[in-house]
């Protein structure tokens, strides 16, 4: 081996020139100067403009309709399907689940509404179910009766509104009495 044949274990690398193209071209990781380099640079993102152009969907949060929380009956049973019960039997949530007319919803017994579709021939006693007016007529005509019928969603909503209005009236009356009914005298 001669001197000119000697090679380094790690050859000397040329220092990388910045901003000459390649992977780190243009500003070479030093950022821009112009608007981005100035204080108070607050450019509006393009996505924000798109979002602002869309109309707002009302009805969530405190302005949400109260009826949105009172979902309707989750399970519906027609009067004609009650014919599988024997005469004088009590129809409630548990018996309807046992007979297979209603399924559990997420492991819980759902609200049940009995509708007036079809005809009923047996007299049954209905407990703890919402019953439509037509179904009520047909059940009573067959000799059955409704003992404790749950209130319909509209009746519950009406009761809540009536209670809220009466609470407001009593609160107003309480404020007036607290002020002390005497009116201040007018200056002459």
N, C-alpha and C. Protein backbone atom coordinates (compact mmCIF):
# COMPACT_ATOMS: atom_id res chain seq x y z
N UNK A 1 0.86 -1.18 0.00
CA UNK A 1 0.00 0.00 0.00
C UNK A 1 0.89 1.23 0.00
N UNK A 2 0.48 2.21 -0.82
CA UNK A 2 1.23 3.46 -0.90
C UNK A 2 0.40 4.60 -0.32
N UNK A 3 1.00 5.75 -0.10
CA UNK A 3 0.35 6.89 0.57
C UNK A 3 -0.88 7.37 -0.20
N UNK A 4 -0.80 7.39 -1.51
CA UNK A 4 -1.94 7.89 -2.30
C UNK A 4 -3.11 6.91 -2.33
N UNK A 5 -2.90 5.71 -1.83
CA UNK A 5 -3.98 4.72 -1.80
C UNK A 5 -4.73 4.69 -0.46
N UNK A 6 -4.30 5.49 0.51
CA UNK A 6 -4.94 5.51 1.84
C UNK A 6 -6.30 6.21 1.74
N UNK A 7 -7.32 5.59 2.33
CA UNK A 7 -8.69 6.16 2.35
C UNK A 7 -9.14 6.34 3.80
N UNK A 8 -9.97 7.36 4.05
CA UNK A 8 -10.52 7.61 5.39
C UNK A 8 -11.64 6.61 5.69
N UNK A 9 -11.80 6.30 6.93
CA UNK A 9 -12.89 5.41 7.35
C UNK A 9 -14.25 6.09 7.11
N UNK A 10 -14.31 7.41 7.39
CA UNK A 10 -15.52 8.21 7.17
C UNK A 10 -15.16 9.37 6.26
N UNK A 11 -15.55 9.29 4.99
CA UNK A 11 -15.13 10.35 4.06
C UNK A 11 -15.72 11.71 4.44
N UNK A 12 -14.98 12.76 4.12
CA UNK A 12 -15.40 14.11 4.47
C UNK A 12 -16.63 14.51 3.65
N UNK A 13 -17.66 14.99 4.34
CA UNK A 13 -18.88 15.39 3.64
C UNK A 13 -18.85 16.87 3.34
N UNK A 14 -19.40 17.24 2.20
CA UNK A 14 -19.48 18.65 1.83
C UNK A 14 -20.62 19.29 2.62
N UNK A 15 -20.40 20.49 3.15
CA UNK A 15 -21.43 21.19 3.93
C UNK A 15 -22.59 21.54 3.02
N UNK A 16 -23.83 21.36 3.54
CA UNK A 16 -25.04 21.59 2.74
C UNK A 16 -25.26 23.08 2.54
N UNK A 17 -25.53 23.47 1.31
CA UNK A 17 -25.85 24.86 1.02
C UNK A 17 -27.36 25.05 1.18
N UNK A 18 -27.75 26.08 1.94
CA UNK A 18 -29.18 26.29 2.16
C UNK A 18 -29.77 27.12 1.03
N UNK A 19 -31.08 26.98 0.86
CA UNK A 19 -31.86 27.76 -0.11
C UNK A 19 -31.32 27.62 -1.53
N UNK A 20 -30.92 26.40 -1.90
CA UNK A 20 -30.46 26.17 -3.27
C UNK A 20 -31.26 25.02 -3.89
N UNK A 21 -32.57 24.92 -3.53
CA UNK A 21 -33.38 23.82 -4.06
C UNK A 21 -33.29 22.60 -3.15
N UNK A 22 -33.71 21.47 -3.68
CA UNK A 22 -33.68 20.24 -2.89
C UNK A 22 -34.80 20.20 -1.87
N UNK A 23 -34.56 19.56 -0.74
CA UNK A 23 -35.61 19.39 0.26
C UNK A 23 -35.84 20.65 1.08
N UNK A 24 -34.82 21.46 1.24
CA UNK A 24 -34.98 22.68 2.02
C UNK A 24 -34.64 23.89 1.16
N UNK A 25 -35.50 24.12 0.18
CA UNK A 25 -35.28 25.24 -0.73
C UNK A 25 -35.88 26.52 -0.20
N UNK A 26 -35.97 27.53 -1.01
CA UNK A 26 -36.53 28.84 -0.71
C UNK A 26 -35.92 29.43 0.56
N UNK A 27 -36.66 29.46 1.66
CA UNK A 27 -36.13 30.11 2.87
C UNK A 27 -35.28 29.16 3.70
N UNK A 28 -35.23 27.88 3.34
CA UNK A 28 -34.39 26.88 4.01
C UNK A 28 -34.65 26.81 5.50
N UNK A 29 -35.91 26.83 5.89
CA UNK A 29 -36.26 26.70 7.29
C UNK A 29 -36.06 27.95 8.10
N UNK A 30 -35.76 29.07 7.46
CA UNK A 30 -35.57 30.32 8.19
C UNK A 30 -36.86 31.15 8.24
N UNK A 31 -37.94 30.66 7.64
CA UNK A 31 -39.21 31.39 7.66
C UNK A 31 -39.23 32.53 6.68
N UNK A 32 -40.39 33.16 6.54
CA UNK A 32 -40.53 34.28 5.62
C UNK A 32 -40.36 35.59 6.37
N UNK A 33 -40.17 36.66 5.62
CA UNK A 33 -40.04 37.98 6.25
C UNK A 33 -41.38 38.70 6.18
N UNK A 34 -41.80 39.16 5.07
CA UNK A 34 -43.05 39.90 4.82
C UNK A 34 -44.08 39.95 5.93
N UNK A 35 -45.32 39.61 5.59
CA UNK A 35 -46.45 39.71 6.53
C UNK A 35 -46.30 38.75 7.70
N UNK A 36 -45.76 37.59 7.42
CA UNK A 36 -45.62 36.60 8.49
C UNK A 36 -44.56 36.99 9.51
N UNK A 37 -43.64 37.84 9.12
CA UNK A 37 -42.55 38.25 10.02
C UNK A 37 -42.92 39.48 10.84
N UNK A 38 -44.09 40.07 10.60
CA UNK A 38 -44.48 41.30 11.29
C UNK A 38 -45.37 41.00 12.50
N UNK A 39 -45.32 41.87 13.48
CA UNK A 39 -46.18 41.73 14.67
C UNK A 39 -47.62 42.03 14.27
N UNK A 40 -48.54 41.34 14.91
CA UNK A 40 -49.96 41.58 14.63
C UNK A 40 -50.45 40.89 13.38
N UNK A 41 -49.72 39.92 12.88
CA UNK A 41 -50.14 39.18 11.69
C UNK A 41 -51.25 38.22 12.09
N UNK A 42 -52.48 38.54 11.68
CA UNK A 42 -53.63 37.68 11.99
C UNK A 42 -54.44 37.48 10.73
N UNK A 43 -53.97 36.60 9.88
CA UNK A 43 -54.73 36.29 8.67
C UNK A 43 -55.85 35.33 9.01
N UNK A 44 -57.02 35.55 8.44
CA UNK A 44 -58.19 34.72 8.72
C UNK A 44 -58.08 33.41 7.93
N UNK A 45 -58.21 32.27 8.59
CA UNK A 45 -58.14 31.00 7.85
C UNK A 45 -59.32 30.86 6.89
N UNK A 46 -59.05 30.26 5.75
CA UNK A 46 -60.09 30.10 4.71
C UNK A 46 -61.25 29.26 5.22
N UNK A 47 -60.96 28.26 6.06
CA UNK A 47 -62.02 27.37 6.58
C UNK A 47 -62.99 28.15 7.45
N UNK A 48 -62.48 29.16 8.15
CA UNK A 48 -63.33 29.98 9.01
C UNK A 48 -64.38 30.70 8.18
N UNK A 49 -63.99 31.21 7.01
CA UNK A 49 -64.95 31.90 6.13
C UNK A 49 -66.04 30.96 5.65
N UNK A 50 -65.66 29.72 5.36
CA UNK A 50 -66.64 28.72 4.91
C UNK A 50 -67.64 28.43 6.03
N UNK A 51 -67.13 28.29 7.27
CA UNK A 51 -67.99 28.01 8.42
C UNK A 51 -68.95 29.17 8.67
N UNK A 52 -68.44 30.40 8.56
CA UNK A 52 -69.26 31.58 8.84
C UNK A 52 -70.39 31.76 7.82
N UNK A 53 -70.20 31.25 6.61
CA UNK A 53 -71.23 31.37 5.58
C UNK A 53 -72.39 30.41 5.82
N UNK A 54 -72.15 29.33 6.56
CA UNK A 54 -73.20 28.34 6.82
C UNK A 54 -74.20 28.89 7.84
N UNK A 55 -75.50 28.65 7.64
CA UNK A 55 -76.48 29.13 8.62
C UNK A 55 -76.39 28.34 9.92
N UNK A 56 -76.73 29.02 11.03
CA UNK A 56 -76.68 28.36 12.33
C UNK A 56 -77.88 27.44 12.48
N UNK A 57 -77.64 26.28 13.05
CA UNK A 57 -78.73 25.35 13.33
C UNK A 57 -79.24 25.65 14.73
N UNK A 58 -80.40 26.23 14.80
CA UNK A 58 -80.96 26.63 16.10
C UNK A 58 -81.53 25.43 16.84
N UNK A 59 -81.69 25.60 18.13
CA UNK A 59 -82.42 24.59 18.90
C UNK A 59 -81.55 23.67 19.73
N UNK A 60 -80.33 24.07 20.08
CA UNK A 60 -79.53 23.27 21.00
C UNK A 60 -79.15 24.13 22.19
N UNK A 61 -78.85 23.49 23.28
CA UNK A 61 -78.50 24.22 24.49
C UNK A 61 -79.73 24.78 25.18
N UNK A 62 -79.62 26.01 25.68
CA UNK A 62 -80.72 26.58 26.48
C UNK A 62 -81.93 26.93 25.63
N UNK A 63 -81.75 27.12 24.32
CA UNK A 63 -82.88 27.47 23.45
C UNK A 63 -83.55 26.25 22.85
N UNK A 64 -83.13 25.08 23.22
CA UNK A 64 -83.68 23.86 22.64
C UNK A 64 -85.13 23.66 23.08
N UNK A 65 -85.94 23.16 22.17
CA UNK A 65 -87.35 22.92 22.48
C UNK A 65 -87.47 21.85 23.55
N UNK A 66 -88.39 22.05 24.47
CA UNK A 66 -88.58 21.10 25.57
C UNK A 66 -89.10 19.77 25.06
N UNK A 67 -89.80 19.81 23.91
CA UNK A 67 -90.35 18.58 23.35
C UNK A 67 -89.26 17.66 22.82
N UNK A 68 -88.04 18.20 22.58
CA UNK A 68 -86.93 17.39 22.08
C UNK A 68 -86.48 16.38 23.13
N UNK A 69 -86.67 16.70 24.41
CA UNK A 69 -86.25 15.80 25.47
C UNK A 69 -87.33 14.76 25.77
N UNK A 70 -88.59 15.08 25.45
CA UNK A 70 -89.68 14.13 25.64
C UNK A 70 -89.86 13.34 24.35
N UNK A 71 -89.04 12.35 24.16
CA UNK A 71 -89.18 11.52 22.97
C UNK A 71 -90.49 10.75 23.08
N UNK A 72 -91.09 10.45 21.95
CA UNK A 72 -92.37 9.74 21.93
C UNK A 72 -92.22 8.33 22.44
N UNK A 73 -93.30 7.57 22.41
CA UNK A 73 -93.21 6.19 22.89
C UNK A 73 -92.24 5.39 22.05
N UNK A 74 -91.38 4.64 22.71
CA UNK A 74 -90.37 3.87 22.00
C UNK A 74 -90.92 2.55 21.49
N UNK A 75 -91.96 2.04 22.14
CA UNK A 75 -92.55 0.77 21.72
C UNK A 75 -94.05 0.97 21.48
N UNK A 76 -94.52 0.42 20.38
CA UNK A 76 -95.93 0.57 20.00
C UNK A 76 -96.56 -0.82 19.92
N UNK A 77 -97.72 -0.95 20.53
CA UNK A 77 -98.47 -2.21 20.50
C UNK A 77 -99.87 -1.91 19.98
N UNK A 78 -100.32 -2.65 18.99
CA UNK A 78 -101.67 -2.47 18.46
C UNK A 78 -102.67 -3.26 19.29
N UNK A 79 -103.91 -2.81 19.27
CA UNK A 79 -104.99 -3.44 20.04
C UNK A 79 -105.20 -4.89 19.60
N UNK A 80 -105.06 -5.14 18.29
CA UNK A 80 -105.29 -6.50 17.76
C UNK A 80 -104.31 -7.52 18.34
N UNK A 81 -103.10 -7.09 18.69
CA UNK A 81 -102.11 -8.03 19.24
C UNK A 81 -102.36 -8.36 20.71
N UNK A 82 -103.29 -7.65 21.36
CA UNK A 82 -103.64 -7.95 22.76
C UNK A 82 -104.56 -9.16 22.88
N UNK A 83 -105.02 -9.72 21.76
CA UNK A 83 -105.91 -10.88 21.78
C UNK A 83 -105.21 -12.14 22.29
N UNK A 84 -103.87 -12.14 22.39
CA UNK A 84 -103.16 -13.31 22.92
C UNK A 84 -103.31 -13.44 24.43
N UNK A 85 -103.76 -12.36 25.10
CA UNK A 85 -104.01 -12.41 26.55
C UNK A 85 -105.35 -13.09 26.80
N UNK A 86 -105.46 -13.74 27.96
CA UNK A 86 -106.73 -14.38 28.33
C UNK A 86 -107.64 -13.34 28.99
N UNK A 87 -108.94 -13.65 29.07
CA UNK A 87 -109.93 -12.72 29.62
C UNK A 87 -109.62 -12.42 31.09
N UNK A 88 -109.68 -11.13 31.44
CA UNK A 88 -109.46 -10.69 32.81
C UNK A 88 -107.99 -10.53 33.19
N UNK A 89 -107.10 -10.77 32.26
CA UNK A 89 -105.65 -10.68 32.54
C UNK A 89 -105.21 -9.21 32.56
N UNK A 90 -104.18 -8.94 33.34
CA UNK A 90 -103.64 -7.58 33.45
C UNK A 90 -102.53 -7.40 32.40
N UNK A 91 -102.65 -6.31 31.63
CA UNK A 91 -101.64 -5.99 30.62
C UNK A 91 -100.82 -4.82 31.14
N UNK A 92 -99.53 -5.06 31.38
CA UNK A 92 -98.61 -3.98 31.77
C UNK A 92 -97.28 -4.20 31.07
N UNK A 93 -96.28 -3.40 31.42
CA UNK A 93 -94.99 -3.47 30.73
C UNK A 93 -94.35 -4.85 30.83
N UNK A 94 -94.39 -5.42 32.03
CA UNK A 94 -93.73 -6.72 32.24
C UNK A 94 -94.43 -7.85 31.48
N UNK A 95 -95.77 -7.85 31.49
CA UNK A 95 -96.50 -8.92 30.78
C UNK A 95 -96.33 -8.79 29.27
N UNK A 96 -96.24 -7.56 28.77
CA UNK A 96 -96.03 -7.37 27.33
C UNK A 96 -94.65 -7.85 26.90
N UNK A 97 -93.65 -7.67 27.78
CA UNK A 97 -92.29 -8.16 27.49
C UNK A 97 -92.26 -9.69 27.56
N UNK A 98 -92.98 -10.28 28.56
CA UNK A 98 -93.02 -11.73 28.71
C UNK A 98 -93.68 -12.41 27.50
N UNK A 99 -94.71 -11.77 26.96
CA UNK A 99 -95.42 -12.34 25.80
C UNK A 99 -94.67 -12.10 24.49
N UNK A 100 -93.63 -11.25 24.53
CA UNK A 100 -92.82 -11.01 23.34
C UNK A 100 -93.34 -9.91 22.42
N UNK A 101 -94.30 -9.12 22.91
CA UNK A 101 -94.84 -8.02 22.09
C UNK A 101 -93.93 -6.80 22.11
N UNK A 102 -93.13 -6.68 23.19
CA UNK A 102 -92.22 -5.54 23.35
C UNK A 102 -90.84 -6.06 23.73
N UNK A 103 -89.80 -5.46 23.15
CA UNK A 103 -88.43 -5.82 23.50
C UNK A 103 -87.82 -4.75 24.42
N UNK A 104 -86.88 -5.17 25.23
CA UNK A 104 -86.16 -4.23 26.08
C UNK A 104 -85.27 -3.33 25.21
N UNK A 105 -85.18 -2.06 25.58
CA UNK A 105 -84.32 -1.11 24.86
C UNK A 105 -83.14 -0.79 25.77
N UNK A 106 -81.95 -1.22 25.37
CA UNK A 106 -80.72 -1.03 26.14
C UNK A 106 -80.88 -1.56 27.57
N UNK A 107 -81.54 -2.71 27.70
CA UNK A 107 -81.71 -3.34 29.00
C UNK A 107 -82.77 -2.71 29.88
N UNK A 108 -83.53 -1.75 29.35
CA UNK A 108 -84.56 -1.07 30.14
C UNK A 108 -85.92 -1.25 29.47
N UNK A 109 -86.98 -1.19 30.30
CA UNK A 109 -88.33 -1.27 29.74
C UNK A 109 -88.68 0.09 29.13
N UNK A 110 -89.07 0.10 27.86
CA UNK A 110 -89.37 1.38 27.20
C UNK A 110 -90.77 1.88 27.54
N UNK A 111 -91.05 3.12 27.13
CA UNK A 111 -92.43 3.62 27.20
C UNK A 111 -93.24 2.82 26.19
N UNK A 112 -94.45 2.49 26.55
CA UNK A 112 -95.29 1.69 25.65
C UNK A 112 -96.58 2.44 25.38
N UNK A 113 -96.94 2.50 24.10
CA UNK A 113 -98.22 3.12 23.72
C UNK A 113 -99.05 2.08 22.99
N UNK A 114 -100.31 1.99 23.39
CA UNK A 114 -101.23 1.06 22.75
C UNK A 114 -102.07 1.85 21.76
N UNK A 115 -102.01 1.43 20.50
CA UNK A 115 -102.73 2.12 19.42
C UNK A 115 -103.98 1.33 19.04
N UNK A 116 -104.90 2.01 18.36
CA UNK A 116 -106.20 1.42 18.05
C UNK A 116 -106.29 0.67 16.74
N UNK A 117 -105.19 0.18 16.19
CA UNK A 117 -105.23 -0.57 14.93
C UNK A 117 -105.73 -1.99 15.19
N UNK A 118 -106.72 -2.41 14.43
CA UNK A 118 -107.27 -3.76 14.57
C UNK A 118 -108.42 -3.80 15.57
N UNK A 119 -108.85 -5.03 15.89
CA UNK A 119 -109.97 -5.23 16.81
C UNK A 119 -109.52 -6.09 17.99
N UNK A 120 -110.16 -5.85 19.14
CA UNK A 120 -109.87 -6.64 20.35
C UNK A 120 -111.14 -7.37 20.77
N UNK A 121 -110.98 -8.64 21.17
CA UNK A 121 -112.14 -9.46 21.53
C UNK A 121 -112.13 -9.85 23.01
N UNK A 122 -111.00 -9.73 23.69
CA UNK A 122 -110.91 -10.10 25.11
C UNK A 122 -110.96 -8.87 25.99
N UNK A 123 -111.56 -9.06 27.19
CA UNK A 123 -111.56 -7.93 28.14
C UNK A 123 -110.31 -8.03 29.02
N UNK A 124 -109.46 -7.01 28.92
CA UNK A 124 -108.21 -6.97 29.67
C UNK A 124 -108.12 -5.68 30.45
N UNK A 125 -107.32 -5.69 31.51
CA UNK A 125 -107.06 -4.50 32.31
C UNK A 125 -105.68 -3.98 31.95
N UNK A 126 -105.60 -2.72 31.54
CA UNK A 126 -104.33 -2.14 31.12
C UNK A 126 -103.79 -1.23 32.21
N UNK A 127 -102.53 -1.43 32.55
CA UNK A 127 -101.88 -0.63 33.59
C UNK A 127 -100.54 -0.10 33.08
N UNK A 128 -100.24 1.14 33.43
CA UNK A 128 -98.92 1.73 33.17
C UNK A 128 -98.52 1.87 31.72
N UNK A 129 -99.49 2.03 30.83
CA UNK A 129 -99.20 2.22 29.41
C UNK A 129 -99.95 3.44 28.90
N UNK A 130 -99.38 4.09 27.89
CA UNK A 130 -100.08 5.20 27.24
C UNK A 130 -101.06 4.57 26.26
N UNK A 131 -102.30 5.03 26.29
CA UNK A 131 -103.34 4.46 25.44
C UNK A 131 -103.95 5.56 24.60
N UNK A 132 -104.05 5.32 23.29
CA UNK A 132 -104.68 6.31 22.41
C UNK A 132 -106.18 6.31 22.63
N UNK A 133 -106.85 7.38 22.20
CA UNK A 133 -108.30 7.50 22.43
C UNK A 133 -109.09 6.42 21.70
N UNK A 134 -108.68 6.07 20.48
CA UNK A 134 -109.39 5.03 19.71
C UNK A 134 -109.20 3.67 20.39
N UNK A 135 -107.97 3.40 20.85
CA UNK A 135 -107.69 2.14 21.55
C UNK A 135 -108.49 2.05 22.84
N UNK A 136 -108.63 3.18 23.54
CA UNK A 136 -109.40 3.21 24.78
C UNK A 136 -110.85 2.83 24.53
N UNK A 137 -111.43 3.40 23.46
CA UNK A 137 -112.83 3.08 23.10
C UNK A 137 -113.00 1.60 22.81
N UNK A 138 -112.06 1.03 22.03
CA UNK A 138 -112.15 -0.37 21.63
C UNK A 138 -111.99 -1.31 22.82
N UNK A 139 -111.08 -0.96 23.74
CA UNK A 139 -110.85 -1.80 24.93
C UNK A 139 -112.08 -1.78 25.84
N UNK A 140 -112.66 -0.59 26.04
CA UNK A 140 -113.85 -0.47 26.89
C UNK A 140 -115.07 -1.14 26.25
N UNK A 141 -115.14 -1.10 24.92
CA UNK A 141 -116.23 -1.75 24.18
C UNK A 141 -116.16 -3.27 24.34
N UNK A 142 -114.93 -3.82 24.40
CA UNK A 142 -114.72 -5.26 24.57
C UNK A 142 -114.92 -5.70 26.02
N UNK A 143 -115.15 -4.74 26.93
CA UNK A 143 -115.38 -5.07 28.35
C UNK A 143 -114.16 -4.87 29.22
N UNK A 144 -113.07 -4.41 28.65
CA UNK A 144 -111.86 -4.18 29.43
C UNK A 144 -111.85 -2.78 30.05
N UNK A 145 -110.84 -2.49 30.84
CA UNK A 145 -110.72 -1.15 31.43
C UNK A 145 -109.26 -0.75 31.57
N UNK A 146 -109.05 0.57 31.69
CA UNK A 146 -107.71 1.12 31.84
C UNK A 146 -107.61 1.68 33.24
N UNK A 147 -106.71 1.09 34.05
CA UNK A 147 -106.61 1.47 35.45
C UNK A 147 -105.73 2.71 35.61
N UNK A 148 -104.46 2.58 35.36
CA UNK A 148 -103.53 3.70 35.51
C UNK A 148 -102.87 3.91 34.16
N UNK A 149 -103.39 4.83 33.40
CA UNK A 149 -102.81 5.12 32.09
C UNK A 149 -101.82 6.25 32.24
N UNK A 150 -100.60 6.07 31.72
CA UNK A 150 -99.61 7.15 31.73
C UNK A 150 -100.11 8.30 30.89
N UNK A 151 -99.73 9.49 31.28
CA UNK A 151 -100.12 10.66 30.50
C UNK A 151 -99.37 10.67 29.18
N UNK A 152 -100.02 11.20 28.17
CA UNK A 152 -99.36 11.32 26.88
C UNK A 152 -98.31 12.41 26.96
N UNK A 153 -97.43 12.45 25.96
CA UNK A 153 -96.34 13.43 25.93
C UNK A 153 -96.90 14.85 25.91
N UNK A 154 -97.98 15.07 25.15
CA UNK A 154 -98.58 16.41 25.07
C UNK A 154 -99.17 16.83 26.41
N UNK A 155 -99.78 15.89 27.13
CA UNK A 155 -100.35 16.20 28.45
C UNK A 155 -99.25 16.53 29.45
N UNK A 156 -98.14 15.78 29.40
CA UNK A 156 -96.99 16.04 30.29
C UNK A 156 -96.44 17.43 30.02
N UNK A 157 -96.30 17.75 28.72
CA UNK A 157 -95.75 19.06 28.32
C UNK A 157 -96.68 20.18 28.78
N UNK A 158 -98.00 19.98 28.64
CA UNK A 158 -98.98 20.99 29.06
C UNK A 158 -98.94 21.18 30.57
N UNK A 159 -98.79 20.08 31.31
CA UNK A 159 -98.68 20.16 32.77
C UNK A 159 -97.44 20.93 33.20
N UNK A 160 -96.32 20.68 32.52
CA UNK A 160 -95.07 21.39 32.84
C UNK A 160 -95.22 22.88 32.60
N UNK A 161 -95.84 23.24 31.46
CA UNK A 161 -96.03 24.66 31.13
C UNK A 161 -96.94 25.34 32.15
N UNK A 162 -98.01 24.65 32.55
CA UNK A 162 -98.93 25.21 33.53
C UNK A 162 -98.23 25.43 34.88
N UNK A 163 -97.41 24.46 35.27
CA UNK A 163 -96.67 24.58 36.52
C UNK A 163 -95.68 25.73 36.48
N UNK A 164 -94.96 25.86 35.34
CA UNK A 164 -93.98 26.94 35.18
C UNK A 164 -94.65 28.31 35.25
N UNK A 165 -95.80 28.45 34.58
CA UNK A 165 -96.51 29.74 34.59
C UNK A 165 -97.02 30.08 35.98
N UNK A 166 -97.52 29.06 36.73
CA UNK A 166 -98.00 29.31 38.09
C UNK A 166 -96.83 29.67 39.02
N UNK A 167 -95.67 29.04 38.80
CA UNK A 167 -94.47 29.37 39.59
C UNK A 167 -94.04 30.81 39.35
N UNK A 168 -94.10 31.24 38.09
CA UNK A 168 -93.73 32.62 37.73
C UNK A 168 -94.67 33.62 38.40
N UNK A 169 -95.97 33.31 38.39
CA UNK A 169 -96.97 34.20 38.99
C UNK A 169 -96.74 34.34 40.50
N UNK A 170 -96.45 33.23 41.15
CA UNK A 170 -96.21 33.28 42.60
C UNK A 170 -94.93 34.04 42.91
N UNK A 171 -93.92 33.90 42.04
CA UNK A 171 -92.66 34.62 42.24
C UNK A 171 -92.88 36.12 42.09
N UNK A 172 -93.67 36.51 41.10
CA UNK A 172 -93.98 37.94 40.89
C UNK A 172 -94.74 38.51 42.08
N UNK A 173 -95.71 37.74 42.56
CA UNK A 173 -96.50 38.18 43.71
C UNK A 173 -95.62 38.33 44.95
N UNK A 174 -94.67 37.42 45.11
CA UNK A 174 -93.74 37.48 46.23
C UNK A 174 -92.85 38.71 46.17
N UNK A 175 -92.40 39.07 44.96
CA UNK A 175 -91.56 40.26 44.78
C UNK A 175 -92.33 41.53 45.11
N UNK A 176 -93.60 41.61 44.66
CA UNK A 176 -94.43 42.79 44.92
C UNK A 176 -94.66 42.98 46.41
N UNK A 177 -94.93 41.89 47.11
CA UNK A 177 -95.17 41.98 48.55
C UNK A 177 -93.88 42.33 49.31
N UNK A 178 -92.74 41.88 48.80
CA UNK A 178 -91.46 42.18 49.43
C UNK A 178 -91.11 43.66 49.29
N UNK A 179 -91.49 44.24 48.16
CA UNK A 179 -91.23 45.67 47.95
C UNK A 179 -92.05 46.52 48.90
N UNK A 180 -93.15 46.02 49.33
CA UNK A 180 -94.04 46.73 50.25
C UNK A 180 -95.02 47.59 49.49
N UNK A 181 -96.11 47.14 49.16
CA UNK A 181 -97.12 47.71 48.27
C UNK A 181 -97.27 49.23 48.18
N UNK A 182 -96.73 50.03 49.12
CA UNK A 182 -96.92 51.50 49.09
C UNK A 182 -96.11 52.11 47.94
N UNK A 183 -96.79 52.98 47.17
CA UNK A 183 -96.14 53.65 46.05
C UNK A 183 -95.47 54.91 46.54
N UNK A 184 -94.30 55.26 45.94
CA UNK A 184 -93.64 56.52 46.35
C UNK A 184 -94.45 57.73 45.90
N UNK A 185 -94.43 58.80 46.76
CA UNK A 185 -95.20 60.01 46.45
C UNK A 185 -94.50 60.81 45.36
N UNK A 186 -95.32 61.38 44.47
CA UNK A 186 -94.77 62.19 43.37
C UNK A 186 -94.36 63.57 43.89
N UNK A 187 -93.23 64.07 43.39
CA UNK A 187 -92.73 65.38 43.80
C UNK A 187 -93.53 66.48 43.10
N UNK A 188 -93.74 67.61 43.83
CA UNK A 188 -94.48 68.73 43.23
C UNK A 188 -93.55 69.83 42.78
